[in-house]
Protein backbone atom coordinates (compact mmCIF):
# COMPACT_ATOMS: atom_id res chain seq x y z
CA UNK A 1 -11.30 -11.82 -4.97
CA UNK A 2 -13.03 -8.68 -6.09
CA UNK A 3 -10.91 -6.01 -7.69
CA UNK A 4 -10.96 -2.45 -6.49
CA UNK A 5 -13.35 -0.20 -8.34
CA UNK A 6 -11.67 2.22 -10.65
CA UNK A 7 -12.24 5.96 -10.31
CA UNK A 8 -14.44 5.88 -13.41
CA UNK A 9 -16.65 3.23 -11.77
CA UNK A 10 -16.62 4.78 -8.31
CA UNK A 11 -17.60 8.37 -9.21
CA UNK A 12 -20.93 7.56 -10.90
CA UNK A 13 -21.76 5.17 -8.07
CA UNK A 14 -21.13 7.84 -5.45
CA UNK A 15 -23.11 10.32 -7.54
CA UNK A 16 -26.11 7.95 -7.49
CA UNK A 17 -25.93 7.82 -3.72
CA UNK A 18 -26.83 11.50 -3.44
CA UNK A 19 -30.13 12.17 -5.10
CA UNK A 20 -33.84 12.78 -4.57
CA UNK A 21 -34.80 9.26 -5.65
CA UNK A 22 -34.40 7.96 -2.09
CA UNK A 23 -37.50 9.86 -0.99
CA UNK A 24 -39.78 7.89 -3.34
CA UNK A 25 -38.75 4.44 -2.07
CA UNK A 26 -40.36 2.40 0.64
CA UNK A 27 -38.22 1.07 3.49
CA UNK A 28 -37.78 -2.39 1.92
CA UNK A 29 -37.07 -0.94 -1.51
CA UNK A 30 -34.63 1.46 0.03
CA UNK A 31 -32.72 -1.27 1.82
CA UNK A 32 -32.51 -3.36 -1.35
CA UNK A 33 -31.35 -0.43 -3.47
CA UNK A 34 -28.81 0.63 -0.88
CA UNK A 35 -27.43 -2.87 -0.50
CA UNK A 36 -26.99 -3.07 -4.28
CA UNK A 37 -25.20 0.26 -4.28
CA UNK A 38 -23.14 -0.26 -1.15
CA UNK A 39 -21.99 -3.79 -1.81
CA UNK A 40 -19.48 -2.87 -4.56
CA UNK A 41 -18.11 -0.07 -2.41
CA UNK A 42 -17.59 -2.28 0.60
CA UNK A 43 -16.23 -5.15 -1.46
CA UNK A 44 -13.82 -2.83 -3.19
CA UNK A 45 -12.69 -1.40 0.14
CA UNK A 46 -12.13 -4.88 1.55
CA UNK A 47 -10.23 -5.97 -1.57
CA UNK A 48 -8.00 -2.91 -1.31
CA UNK A 49 -7.40 -3.61 2.35
CA UNK A 50 -6.39 -7.20 1.56
CA UNK A 51 -4.04 -6.05 -1.20
CA UNK A 52 -2.42 -3.40 0.99
CA UNK A 53 -2.04 -5.98 3.81
CA UNK A 54 -0.24 -8.37 1.44
CA UNK A 55 2.16 -5.68 0.20
CA UNK A 56 2.86 -4.54 3.75
CA UNK A 57 3.56 -8.15 4.76
CA UNK A 58 6.03 -8.42 1.86
CA UNK A 59 7.80 -5.23 2.97
CA UNK A 60 7.88 -6.49 6.58
CA UNK A 61 9.45 -9.77 5.42
CA UNK A 62 12.23 -7.70 3.94
CA UNK A 63 12.83 -6.13 7.38
CA UNK A 64 11.77 -2.69 6.22
CA UNK A 65 10.10 -0.16 8.51
CA UNK A 66 6.39 -0.35 7.80
CA UNK A 67 5.03 1.33 10.92
CA UNK A 68 3.41 4.19 8.94
CA UNK A 69 1.89 1.69 6.54
CA UNK A 70 0.53 -0.36 9.46
CA UNK A 71 -1.10 2.79 10.87
CA UNK A 72 -2.70 3.53 7.54
CA UNK A 73 -3.91 -0.08 7.27
CA UNK A 74 -5.42 0.19 10.75
CA UNK A 75 -7.20 3.37 9.59
CA UNK A 76 -8.53 1.37 6.63
CA UNK A 77 -9.77 -1.35 8.96
CA UNK A 78 -11.56 1.29 11.08
CA UNK A 79 -13.13 2.74 7.93
CA UNK A 80 -14.37 -0.70 6.87
CA UNK A 81 -16.06 -1.15 10.25
CA UNK A 82 -17.49 2.34 10.14
CA UNK A 83 -18.74 1.76 6.57
CA UNK A 84 -20.57 -1.37 7.65
CA UNK A 85 -22.16 0.60 10.44
CA UNK A 86 -23.15 3.40 8.05
CA UNK A 87 -24.79 0.88 5.76
CA UNK A 88 -27.06 -0.35 8.55
CA UNK A 89 -27.90 3.20 9.54
CA UNK A 90 -28.66 4.20 5.92
CA UNK A 91 -26.55 7.35 6.27
CA UNK A 92 -25.48 7.87 2.68
CA UNK A 93 -23.36 10.98 3.07
CA UNK A 94 -21.50 9.51 6.01
CA UNK A 95 -20.91 6.31 4.03
CA UNK A 96 -19.52 8.27 1.12
CA UNK A 97 -17.10 10.11 3.39
CA UNK A 98 -16.03 6.98 5.21
CA UNK A 99 -15.45 4.95 2.04
CA UNK A 100 -13.48 7.80 0.45
CA UNK A 101 -11.34 8.02 3.59
CA UNK A 102 -10.95 4.25 3.55
CA UNK A 103 -9.79 4.29 -0.07
CA UNK A 104 -7.35 7.09 0.71
CA UNK A 105 -5.94 5.23 3.70
CA UNK A 106 -5.66 2.02 1.69
CA UNK A 107 -3.83 3.85 -1.10
CA UNK A 108 -1.51 5.45 1.44
CA UNK A 109 -0.69 2.07 3.04
CA UNK A 110 -0.10 0.55 -0.38
CA UNK A 111 2.16 3.39 -1.53
CA UNK A 112 4.17 3.33 1.69
CA UNK A 113 4.69 -0.46 1.36
CA UNK A 114 5.67 -0.13 -2.30
CA UNK A 115 8.12 2.65 -1.39
CA UNK A 116 9.64 0.45 1.34
CA UNK A 117 10.10 -2.42 -1.14
CA UNK A 118 11.69 -0.02 -3.65
CA UNK A 119 13.99 1.30 -0.92
CA UNK A 120 15.02 -2.26 -0.06
CA UNK A 121 15.91 -2.98 -3.70
CA UNK A 122 17.80 0.31 -3.97
CA UNK A 123 19.77 -0.42 -0.78
CA UNK A 124 20.57 -3.91 -2.00
CA UNK A 125 21.95 -2.54 -5.24
CA UNK A 126 23.91 0.06 -3.30
CA UNK A 127 25.41 -2.60 -1.07
CA UNK A 128 26.41 -4.59 -4.13
CA UNK A 129 28.17 -1.61 -5.70
CA UNK A 130 29.90 -0.75 -2.40
CA UNK A 131 31.08 -4.34 -2.07
CA UNK A 132 32.52 -4.33 -5.55
CA UNK A 133 34.34 -1.03 -4.92
CA UNK A 134 35.76 -2.24 -1.61
CA UNK A 135 36.84 -5.55 -3.16
CA UNK A 136 38.56 -3.64 -5.96
CA UNK A 137 40.38 -1.41 -3.43
CA UNK A 138 41.49 -4.45 -1.43
CA UNK A 139 42.80 -6.05 -4.65
CA UNK A 140 44.69 -2.87 -5.56
CA UNK A 141 46.30 -2.72 -2.07
CA UNK A 142 47.28 -6.37 -2.34
CA UNK A 143 48.87 -5.77 -5.76
CA UNK A 144 50.69 -2.72 -4.44
CA UNK A 145 52.08 -4.72 -1.50
CA UNK A 146 53.30 -7.48 -3.82
CA UNK A 147 55.05 -4.90 -5.98
CA UNK A 148 56.77 -3.39 -2.86
CA UNK A 149 57.85 -6.91 -1.75
CA UNK A 150 59.34 -7.64 -5.20
CA UNK A 151 61.30 -4.38 -5.11
CA UNK A 152 62.71 -5.26 -1.67
CA UNK A 153 63.73 -8.77 -2.81
CA UNK A 154 65.29 -7.34 -5.97
CA UNK A 155 67.18 -4.69 -3.97
CA UNK A 156 68.42 -7.23 -1.37
């Protein structure tokens, strides 16, 4: 599985996509150059989509609300489809915008899923603390009742 491109790798790649050098290429050369440039972008977008989908699935398994993350993932899917269309149309500026939007949507889905998993862990810890407190209170009430019973037996 291909890893997502880092910002340091993505920025020069996007900078190469906007330049005068496209004008000097023939149609075949242009398609080869563009496919070399676009492939890492699309692969990275697909890898990010897969990673966000896995994290959202994990959060959904924990019965957390991931509706916003699912919407962001759907936006990523739409951007992948639109990116593939932009590649075939050789619209560089549109592809840049779509892939940036796709990366943003993927990052949003991933952050929402990660936040949901963190919230689950936080709630679980909170339930554990609450259970301990309530168990302690029940024990104190039981001890107090035993002390009252002893006093009654001693007084009788």
